[in-house]
């Protein structure tokens, strides 16, 4: 029984790491997209006087969203981890 619990916990950790990695990669891609849009002066950067200020604001929003989603993912994992030890 202990072996099954250990394997289950190990699988949960691997899946959690995979979910986090996918989310981090999506955040990285979103940041790079914003930089490319800024450099090209297209999309939301087309009609602005200060592209740098806008890119900082938009990338900050991406980072804040990732931080919030990370906390949500961690909160969902806590009950699973806690219940496997009981």
PDB file of N, CA and C in Angstrom:
ATOM      1  N   UNK A   1       0.824  -1.193   0.000  1.00  0.00           N
ATOM      2  CA  UNK A   1       0.000   0.000   0.000  1.00  0.00           C
ATOM      3  C   UNK A   1       0.869   1.258   0.000  1.00  0.00           C
ATOM      4  N   UNK A   2       1.954   1.236   0.752  1.00  0.00           N
ATOM      5  CA  UNK A   2       2.856   2.382   0.802  1.00  0.00           C
ATOM      6  C   UNK A   2       3.466   2.648  -0.569  1.00  0.00           C
ATOM      7  N   UNK A   3       3.795   1.568  -1.286  1.00  0.00           N
ATOM      8  CA  UNK A   3       4.362   1.707  -2.626  1.00  0.00           C
ATOM      9  C   UNK A   3       3.375   2.423  -3.549  1.00  0.00           C
ATOM     10  N   UNK A   4       2.123   2.049  -3.488  1.00  0.00           N
ATOM     11  CA  UNK A   4       1.090   2.678  -4.324  1.00  0.00           C
ATOM     12  C   UNK A   4       0.948   4.160  -3.968  1.00  0.00           C
ATOM     13  N   UNK A   5       0.966   4.492  -2.689  1.00  0.00           N
ATOM     14  CA  UNK A   5       0.865   5.888  -2.270  1.00  0.00           C
ATOM     15  C   UNK A   5       2.070   6.684  -2.756  1.00  0.00           C
ATOM     16  N   UNK A   6       3.256   6.103  -2.667  1.00  0.00           N
ATOM     17  CA  UNK A   6       4.471   6.786  -3.135  1.00  0.00           C
ATOM     18  C   UNK A   6       4.412   7.013  -4.640  1.00  0.00           C
ATOM     19  N   UNK A   7       3.987   6.006  -5.379  1.00  0.00           N
ATOM     20  CA  UNK A   7       3.867   6.147  -6.834  1.00  0.00           C
ATOM     21  C   UNK A   7       2.829   7.203  -7.188  1.00  0.00           C
ATOM     22  N   UNK A   8       1.733   7.210  -6.454  1.00  0.00           N
ATOM     23  CA  UNK A   8       0.681   8.194  -6.694  1.00  0.00           C
ATOM     24  C   UNK A   8       1.189   9.609  -6.429  1.00  0.00           C
ATOM     25  N   UNK A   9       1.888   9.791  -5.349  1.00  0.00           N
ATOM     26  CA  UNK A   9       2.451  11.102  -5.018  1.00  0.00           C
ATOM     27  C   UNK A   9       3.478  11.528  -6.058  1.00  0.00           C
ATOM     28  N   UNK A  10       4.314  10.594  -6.492  1.00  0.00           N
ATOM     29  CA  UNK A  10       5.311  10.885  -7.520  1.00  0.00           C
ATOM     30  C   UNK A  10       4.666  11.314  -8.824  1.00  0.00           C
ATOM     31  N   UNK A  11       3.610  10.631  -9.213  1.00  0.00           N
ATOM     32  CA  UNK A  11       2.884  10.983 -10.431  1.00  0.00           C
ATOM     33  C   UNK A  11       2.244  12.361 -10.308  1.00  0.00           C
ATOM     34  N   UNK A  12       1.686  12.665  -9.145  1.00  0.00           N
ATOM     35  CA  UNK A  12       1.100  13.994  -8.928  1.00  0.00           C
ATOM     36  C   UNK A  12       2.158  15.079  -9.072  1.00  0.00           C
ATOM     37  N   UNK A  13       3.345  14.839  -8.536  1.00  0.00           N
ATOM     38  CA  UNK A  13       4.434  15.819  -8.637  1.00  0.00           C
ATOM     39  C   UNK A  13       4.861  16.023 -10.082  1.00  0.00           C
ATOM     40  N   UNK A  14       4.965  14.941 -10.837  1.00  0.00           N
ATOM     41  CA  UNK A  14       5.355  15.047 -12.245  1.00  0.00           C
ATOM     42  C   UNK A  14       4.308  15.832 -13.028  1.00  0.00           C
ATOM     43  N   UNK A  15       3.041  15.523 -12.804  1.00  0.00           N
ATOM     44  CA  UNK A  15       1.979  16.229 -13.514  1.00  0.00           C
ATOM     45  C   UNK A  15       1.947  17.704 -13.135  1.00  0.00           C
ATOM     46  N   UNK A  16       2.198  18.002 -11.883  1.00  0.00           N
ATOM     47  CA  UNK A  16       2.227  19.390 -11.418  1.00  0.00           C
ATOM     48  C   UNK A  16       3.373  20.140 -12.082  1.00  0.00           C
ATOM     49  N   UNK A  17       4.535  19.507 -12.164  1.00  0.00           N
ATOM     50  CA  UNK A  17       5.684  20.134 -12.808  1.00  0.00           C
ATOM     51  C   UNK A  17       5.384  20.383 -14.280  1.00  0.00           C
ATOM     52  N   UNK A  18       4.753  19.417 -14.942  1.00  0.00           N
ATOM     53  CA  UNK A  18       4.399  19.576 -16.350  1.00  0.00           C
ATOM     54  C   UNK A  18       3.420  20.724 -16.529  1.00  0.00           C
ATOM     55  N   UNK A  19       2.397  20.803 -15.695  1.00  0.00           N
ATOM     56  CA  UNK A  19       1.429  21.905 -15.775  1.00  0.00           C
ATOM     57  C   UNK A  19       2.121  23.242 -15.575  1.00  0.00           C
ATOM     58  N   UNK A  20       3.006  23.310 -14.586  1.00  0.00           N
ATOM     59  CA  UNK A  20       3.728  24.560 -14.334  1.00  0.00           C
ATOM     60  C   UNK A  20       4.607  24.932 -15.524  1.00  0.00           C
ATOM     61  N   UNK A  21       5.310  23.946 -16.081  1.00  0.00           N
ATOM     62  CA  UNK A  21       6.194  24.225 -17.206  1.00  0.00           C
ATOM     63  C   UNK A  21       5.396  24.749 -18.399  1.00  0.00           C
ATOM     64  N   UNK A  22       4.276  24.113 -18.698  1.00  0.00           N
ATOM     65  CA  UNK A  22       3.443  24.565 -19.815  1.00  0.00           C
ATOM     66  C   UNK A  22       2.957  25.993 -19.593  1.00  0.00           C
ATOM     67  N   UNK A  23       2.575  26.295 -18.377  1.00  0.00           N
ATOM     68  CA  UNK A  23       2.110  27.641 -18.061  1.00  0.00           C
ATOM     69  C   UNK A  23       3.240  28.658 -18.171  1.00  0.00           C
ATOM     70  N   UNK A  24       4.416  28.295 -17.662  1.00  0.00           N
ATOM     71  CA  UNK A  24       5.562  29.203 -17.743  1.00  0.00           C
ATOM     72  C   UNK A  24       5.955  29.450 -19.200  1.00  0.00           C
ATOM     73  N   UNK A  25       5.898  28.404 -20.008  1.00  0.00           N
ATOM     74  CA  UNK A  25       6.249  28.538 -21.423  1.00  0.00           C
ATOM     75  C   UNK A  25       5.247  29.451 -22.141  1.00  0.00           C
ATOM     76  N   UNK A  26       3.966  29.309 -21.823  1.00  0.00           N
ATOM     77  CA  UNK A  26       2.947  30.177 -22.420  1.00  0.00           C
ATOM     78  C   UNK A  26       3.186  31.628 -22.013  1.00  0.00           C
ATOM     79  N   UNK A  27       3.586  31.847 -20.775  1.00  0.00           N
ATOM     80  CA  UNK A  27       3.893  33.200 -20.298  1.00  0.00           C
ATOM     81  C   UNK A  27       5.097  33.757 -21.052  1.00  0.00           C
ATOM     82  N   UNK A  28       6.121  32.950 -21.230  1.00  0.00           N
ATOM     83  CA  UNK A  28       7.313  33.361 -21.973  1.00  0.00           C
ATOM     84  C   UNK A  28       6.937  33.763 -23.400  1.00  0.00           C
ATOM     85  N   UNK A  29       6.105  32.941 -24.043  1.00  0.00           N
ATOM     86  CA  UNK A  29       5.678  33.239 -25.408  1.00  0.00           C
ATOM     87  C   UNK A  29       4.863  34.526 -25.471  1.00  0.00           C
ATOM     88  N   UNK A  30       4.007  34.743 -24.495  1.00  0.00           N
ATOM     89  CA  UNK A  30       3.200  35.969 -24.458  1.00  0.00           C
ATOM     90  C   UNK A  30       4.090  37.197 -24.300  1.00  0.00           C
ATOM     91  N   UNK A  31       5.113  37.094 -23.477  1.00  0.00           N
ATOM     92  CA  UNK A  31       6.040  38.212 -23.300  1.00  0.00           C
ATOM     93  C   UNK A  31       6.798  38.505 -24.595  1.00  0.00           C
ATOM     94  N   UNK A  32       7.274  37.454 -25.250  1.00  0.00           N
ATOM     95  CA  UNK A  32       7.995  37.649 -26.506  1.00  0.00           C
ATOM     96  C   UNK A  32       7.096  38.229 -27.590  1.00  0.00           C
ATOM     97  N   UNK A  33       5.850  37.822 -27.598  1.00  0.00           N
ATOM     98  CA  UNK A  33       4.889  38.372 -28.559  1.00  0.00           C
ATOM     99  C   UNK A  33       4.719  39.868 -28.331  1.00  0.00           C
ATOM    100  N   UNK A  34       4.596  40.271 -27.072  1.00  0.00           N
ATOM    101  CA  UNK A  34       4.450  41.695 -26.770  1.00  0.00           C
ATOM    102  C   UNK A  34       5.669  42.485 -27.243  1.00  0.00           C
ATOM    103  N   UNK A  35       6.853  41.939 -27.033  1.00  0.00           N
ATOM    104  CA  UNK A  35       8.070  42.626 -27.470  1.00  0.00           C
ATOM    105  C   UNK A  35       8.119  42.742 -28.997  1.00  0.00           C
ATOM    106  N   UNK A  36       7.710  41.687 -29.690  1.00  0.00           N
ATOM    107  CA  UNK A  36       7.701  41.722 -31.155  1.00  0.00           C
ATOM    108  C   UNK A  36       6.681  42.735 -31.671  1.00  0.00           C
ATOM    109  N   UNK A  37       5.516  42.779 -31.053  1.00  0.00           N
ATOM    110  CA  UNK A  37       4.501  43.756 -31.455  1.00  0.00           C
ATOM    111  C   UNK A  37       4.999  45.181 -31.232  1.00  0.00           C
ATOM    112  N   UNK A  38       5.654  45.393 -30.073  1.00  0.00           N
ATOM    113  CA  UNK A  38       6.206  46.721 -29.775  1.00  0.00           C
ATOM    114  C   UNK A  38       7.251  47.126 -30.805  1.00  0.00           C
ATOM    115  N   UNK A  39       8.173  46.208 -31.075  1.00  0.00           N
ATOM    116  CA  UNK A  39       9.249  46.510 -32.018  1.00  0.00           C
ATOM    117  C   UNK A  39       8.723  46.803 -33.423  1.00  0.00           C
ATOM    118  N   UNK A  40       7.662  46.110 -33.816  1.00  0.00           N
ATOM    119  CA  UNK A  40       7.076  46.315 -35.143  1.00  0.00           C
ATOM    120  C   UNK A  40       6.125  47.513 -35.171  1.00  0.00           C
ATOM    121  N   UNK A  41       5.694  47.948 -33.997  1.00  0.00           N
ATOM    122  CA  UNK A  41       4.765  49.070 -33.933  1.00  0.00           C
ATOM    123  C   UNK A  41       3.385  48.735 -34.474  1.00  0.00           C
ATOM    124  N   UNK A  42       2.949  47.498 -34.209  1.00  0.00           N
ATOM    125  CA  UNK A  42       1.632  47.070 -34.686  1.00  0.00           C
ATOM    126  C   UNK A  42       0.760  46.656 -33.499  1.00  0.00           C
ATOM    127  N   UNK A  43      -0.497  46.373 -33.804  1.00  0.00           N
ATOM    128  CA  UNK A  43      -1.438  45.977 -32.754  1.00  0.00           C
ATOM    129  C   UNK A  43      -1.662  47.125 -31.800  1.00  0.00           C
ATOM    130  N   UNK A  44      -1.624  46.851 -30.505  1.00  0.00           N
ATOM    131  CA  UNK A  44      -1.881  47.910 -29.527  1.00  0.00           C
ATOM    132  C   UNK A  44      -0.787  48.984 -29.504  1.00  0.00           C
ATOM    133  N   UNK A  45       0.337  48.724 -30.149  1.00  0.00           N
ATOM    134  CA  UNK A  45       1.451  49.674 -30.147  1.00  0.00           C
ATOM    135  C   UNK A  45       1.425  50.631 -31.341  1.00  0.00           C
ATOM    136  N   UNK A  46       0.421  50.468 -32.161  1.00  0.00           N
ATOM    137  CA  UNK A  46       0.322  51.267 -33.385  1.00  0.00           C
ATOM    138  C   UNK A  46       0.042  52.744 -33.106  1.00  0.00           C
ATOM    139  N   UNK A  47      -0.872  53.003 -32.206  1.00  0.00           N
ATOM    140  CA  UNK A  47      -1.326  54.377 -31.965  1.00  0.00           C
ATOM    141  C   UNK A  47      -0.944  54.876 -30.578  1.00  0.00           C
ATOM    142  N   UNK A  48       0.265  54.608 -30.147  1.00  0.00           N
ATOM    143  CA  UNK A  48       0.686  55.075 -28.830  1.00  0.00           C
ATOM    144  C   UNK A  48       1.957  55.908 -28.962  1.00  0.00           C
ATOM    145  N   UNK A  49       2.084  56.866 -28.093  1.00  0.00           N
ATOM    146  CA  UNK A  49       3.277  57.715 -28.101  1.00  0.00           C
ATOM    147  C   UNK A  49       4.439  57.074 -27.354  1.00  0.00           C
ATOM    148  N   UNK A  50       4.141  56.241 -26.362  1.00  0.00           N
ATOM    149  CA  UNK A  50       5.197  55.636 -25.542  1.00  0.00           C
ATOM    150  C   UNK A  50       5.056  54.115 -25.563  1.00  0.00           C
ATOM    151  N   UNK A  51       5.669  53.492 -26.554  1.00  0.00           N
ATOM    152  CA  UNK A  51       5.586  52.031 -26.699  1.00  0.00           C
ATOM    153  C   UNK A  51       6.207  51.306 -25.515  1.00  0.00           C
ATOM    154  N   UNK A  52       7.273  51.856 -24.965  1.00  0.00           N
ATOM    155  CA  UNK A  52       7.942  51.190 -23.847  1.00  0.00           C
ATOM    156  C   UNK A  52       7.059  51.144 -22.608  1.00  0.00           C
ATOM    157  N   UNK A  53       6.385  52.238 -22.321  1.00  0.00           N
ATOM    158  CA  UNK A  53       5.485  52.242 -21.159  1.00  0.00           C
ATOM    159  C   UNK A  53       4.356  51.240 -21.350  1.00  0.00           C
ATOM    160  N   UNK A  54       3.840  51.164 -22.572  1.00  0.00           N
ATOM    161  CA  UNK A  54       2.747  50.231 -22.840  1.00  0.00           C
ATOM    162  C   UNK A  54       3.223  48.781 -22.732  1.00  0.00           C
ATOM    163  N   UNK A  55       4.416  48.487 -23.252  1.00  0.00           N
ATOM    164  CA  UNK A  55       4.893  47.103 -23.168  1.00  0.00           C
ATOM    165  C   UNK A  55       5.138  46.696 -21.719  1.00  0.00           C
ATOM    166  N   UNK A  56       5.637  47.609 -20.914  1.00  0.00           N
ATOM    167  CA  UNK A  56       5.849  47.290 -19.497  1.00  0.00           C
ATOM    168  C   UNK A  56       4.510  46.983 -18.832  1.00  0.00           C
ATOM    169  N   UNK A  57       3.513  47.783 -19.122  1.00  0.00           N
ATOM    170  CA  UNK A  57       2.185  47.577 -18.532  1.00  0.00           C
ATOM    171  C   UNK A  57       1.598  46.235 -18.968  1.00  0.00           C
ATOM    172  N   UNK A  58       1.709  45.922 -20.254  1.00  0.00           N
ATOM    173  CA  UNK A  58       1.109  44.683 -20.778  1.00  0.00           C
ATOM    174  C   UNK A  58       1.873  43.440 -20.299  1.00  0.00           C
ATOM    175  N   UNK A  59       3.190  43.505 -20.267  1.00  0.00           N
ATOM    176  CA  UNK A  59       3.979  42.365 -19.781  1.00  0.00           C
ATOM    177  C   UNK A  59       3.746  42.171 -18.278  1.00  0.00           C
ATOM    178  N   UNK A  60       3.610  43.261 -17.549  1.00  0.00           N
ATOM    179  CA  UNK A  60       3.304  43.157 -16.121  1.00  0.00           C
ATOM    180  C   UNK A  60       1.967  42.444 -15.909  1.00  0.00           C
ATOM    181  N   UNK A  61       0.984  42.743 -16.741  1.00  0.00           N
ATOM    182  CA  UNK A  61      -0.309  42.054 -16.649  1.00  0.00           C
ATOM    183  C   UNK A  61      -0.157  40.555 -16.912  1.00  0.00           C
ATOM    184  N   UNK A  62       0.677  40.210 -17.887  1.00  0.00           N
ATOM    185  CA  UNK A  62       0.933  38.791 -18.179  1.00  0.00           C
ATOM    186  C   UNK A  62       1.556  38.112 -16.962  1.00  0.00           C
ATOM    187  N   UNK A  63       2.537  38.771 -16.361  1.00  0.00           N
ATOM    188  CA  UNK A  63       3.219  38.196 -15.192  1.00  0.00           C
ATOM    189  C   UNK A  63       2.279  38.076 -13.990  1.00  0.00           C
ATOM    190  N   UNK A  64       1.460  39.083 -13.772  1.00  0.00           N
ATOM    191  CA  UNK A  64       0.515  39.024 -12.648  1.00  0.00           C
ATOM    192  C   UNK A  64      -0.497  37.901 -12.854  1.00  0.00           C
ATOM    193  N   UNK A  65      -0.947  37.716 -14.094  1.00  0.00           N
ATOM    194  CA  UNK A  65      -1.890  36.633 -14.389  1.00  0.00           C
ATOM    195  C   UNK A  65      -1.224  35.281 -14.123  1.00  0.00           C
ATOM    196  N   UNK A  66       0.025  35.132 -14.541  1.00  0.00           N
ATOM    197  CA  UNK A  66       0.743  33.877 -14.288  1.00  0.00           C
ATOM    198  C   UNK A  66       0.886  33.628 -12.788  1.00  0.00           C
ATOM    199  N   UNK A  67       1.211  34.670 -12.030  1.00  0.00           N
ATOM    200  CA  UNK A  67       1.332  34.520 -10.580  1.00  0.00           C
ATOM    201  C   UNK A  67       0.023  34.086  -9.940  1.00  0.00           C
ATOM    202  N   UNK A  68      -1.066  34.694 -10.373  1.00  0.00           N
ATOM    203  CA  UNK A  68      -2.383  34.322  -9.832  1.00  0.00           C
ATOM    204  C   UNK A  68      -2.741  32.892 -10.189  1.00  0.00           C
ATOM    205  N   UNK A  69      -2.487  32.517 -11.440  1.00  0.00           N
ATOM    206  CA  UNK A  69      -2.795  31.149 -11.862  1.00  0.00           C
ATOM    207  C   UNK A  69      -1.923  30.137 -11.125  1.00  0.00           C
ATOM    208  N   UNK A  70      -0.670  30.502 -10.818  1.00  0.00           N
ATOM    209  CA  UNK A  70       0.205  29.602 -10.075  1.00  0.00           C
ATOM    210  C   UNK A  70      -0.376  29.338  -8.687  1.00  0.00           C
ATOM    211  N   UNK A  71      -0.825  30.400  -8.014  1.00  0.00           N
ATOM    212  CA  UNK A  71      -1.420  30.220  -6.686  1.00  0.00           C
ATOM    213  C   UNK A  71      -2.659  29.337  -6.749  1.00  0.00           C
ATOM    214  N   UNK A  72      -3.459  29.503  -7.787  1.00  0.00           N
ATOM    215  CA  UNK A  72      -4.656  28.667  -7.944  1.00  0.00           C
ATOM    216  C   UNK A  72      -4.253  27.210  -8.146  1.00  0.00           C
ATOM    217  N   UNK A  73      -3.246  26.978  -8.994  1.00  0.00           N
ATOM    218  CA  UNK A  73      -2.780  25.590  -9.210  1.00  0.00           C
ATOM    219  C   UNK A  73      -2.260  24.982  -7.918  1.00  0.00           C
ATOM    220  N   UNK A  74      -1.518  25.756  -7.145  1.00  0.00           N
ATOM    221  CA  UNK A  74      -0.969  25.237  -5.887  1.00  0.00           C
ATOM    222  C   UNK A  74      -2.078  24.944  -4.891  1.00  0.00           C
ATOM    223  N   UNK A  75      -3.071  25.803  -4.820  1.00  0.00           N
ATOM    224  CA  UNK A  75      -4.187  25.589  -3.889  1.00  0.00           C
ATOM    225  C   UNK A  75      -4.958  24.327  -4.249  1.00  0.00           C
ATOM    226  N   UNK A  76      -5.083  24.035  -5.530  1.00  0.00           N
ATOM    227  CA  UNK A  76      -5.779  22.814  -5.955  1.00  0.00           C
ATOM    228  C   UNK A  76      -4.986  21.571  -5.586  1.00  0.00           C
ATOM    229  N   UNK A  77      -3.664  21.678  -5.569  1.00  0.00           N
ATOM    230  CA  UNK A  77      -2.821  20.533  -5.259  1.00  0.00           C
ATOM    231  C   UNK A  77      -2.747  20.244  -3.766  1.00  0.00           C
ATOM    232  N   UNK A  78      -2.922  21.242  -2.918  1.00  0.00           N
ATOM    233  CA  UNK A  78      -2.794  21.034  -1.475  1.00  0.00           C
ATOM    234  C   UNK A  78      -3.735  19.968  -0.928  1.00  0.00           C
ATOM    235  N   UNK A  79      -5.028  19.992  -1.223  1.00  0.00           N
ATOM    236  CA  UNK A  79      -5.908  18.948  -0.677  1.00  0.00           C
ATOM    237  C   UNK A  79      -5.530  17.557  -1.160  1.00  0.00           C
ATOM    238  N   UNK A  80      -5.077  17.427  -2.422  1.00  0.00           N
ATOM    239  CA  UNK A  80      -4.681  16.124  -2.933  1.00  0.00           C
ATOM    240  C   UNK A  80      -3.490  15.581  -2.156  1.00  0.00           C
ATOM    241  N   UNK A  81      -2.496  16.425  -1.955  1.00  0.00           N
ATOM    242  CA  UNK A  81      -1.301  16.006  -1.231  1.00  0.00           C
ATOM    243  C   UNK A  81      -1.651  15.672   0.217  1.00  0.00           C
ATOM    244  N   UNK A  82      -2.453  16.496   0.842  1.00  0.00           N
ATOM    245  CA  UNK A  82      -2.844  16.273   2.231  1.00  0.00           C
ATOM    246  C   UNK A  82      -3.641  15.003   2.395  1.00  0.00           C
ATOM    247  N   UNK A  83      -4.535  14.688   1.466  1.00  0.00           N
ATOM    248  CA  UNK A  83      -5.366  13.501   1.600  1.00  0.00           C
ATOM    249  C   UNK A  83      -4.578  12.222   1.348  1.00  0.00           C
ATOM    250  N   UNK A  84      -3.481  12.293   0.584  1.00  0.00           N
ATOM    251  CA  UNK A  84      -2.719  11.083   0.319  1.00  0.00           C
ATOM    252  C   UNK A  84      -1.898  10.656   1.531  1.00  0.00           C
ATOM    253  N   UNK A  85      -1.667  11.584   2.466  1.00  0.00           N
ATOM    254  CA  UNK A  85      -0.901  11.245   3.678  1.00  0.00           C
ATOM    255  C   UNK A  85      -1.784  10.691   4.782  1.00  0.00           C
ATOM    256  N   UNK A  86      -3.099  10.811   4.674  1.00  0.00           N
ATOM    257  CA  UNK A  86      -3.968  10.364   5.763  1.00  0.00           C
ATOM    258  C   UNK A  86      -4.261   8.894   5.700  1.00  0.00           C
TER     259      UNK A  86
END
